[in-house]
């Protein structure tokens, strides 16, 4: 995968381990052709921006190791279910999130947004996400925000963290190391938002028998 953060730089992201390298964008007839950047940094893979690409270390892996292999949960995936935990809707995901599995995630996110104000997407079993998956998360985030809620990400892989950081989305989503940490923080936020007990009104001044207020 290749990400273009701005007009002058391109950042290559290894589809196996999430390693990145950034270089000056090459002026080519087709902006989608990034072969010069790939070859200059000793990477391997597709000459096109959509990838796949491998860093030099992962390029040395056996040829039958697919770019979406490595330590990933891997395989077809998307959303595997929705759970309500207290006031939080948890969307469980499984496998890679890409154009082939986007429909399942899109449906799950839509249902979760309709059911609750706060949504946590558990990414513990996801190792890879492509632009389609990212756009689904961003769209869901906007919908939840417009309803006064929050959308959080739990347990993103190193690759997903790298993509979020490169796309400058790590400041958009609250990100937690795991689902338990996300739920604990959200519970604490709910408790702190509760109004404090209303103080008893001060007693009215009493009048003595002489009519003087004491």
Foldseek 3Di string as FASTA:
>chain_A
DKDDQDDFKIWAAQLAARDIDMDTQDDDPDSQFQQVVCVVQCKDWDRGRQTNIHHNVCVPDDPPADSNHHPALADDKAWDDWDDDPQEIETEIAHEAEPVHPVRNLVRLVVRLVRHLEYEYECQRYAYYGPSRVVSQVVSQVSSVVVVHAYAYEQHHSNVVSVCVSNVNPVVHHYYNHDVVVVVVVVVVVVVPDDDDDDDDDDDFDADPVRDTD
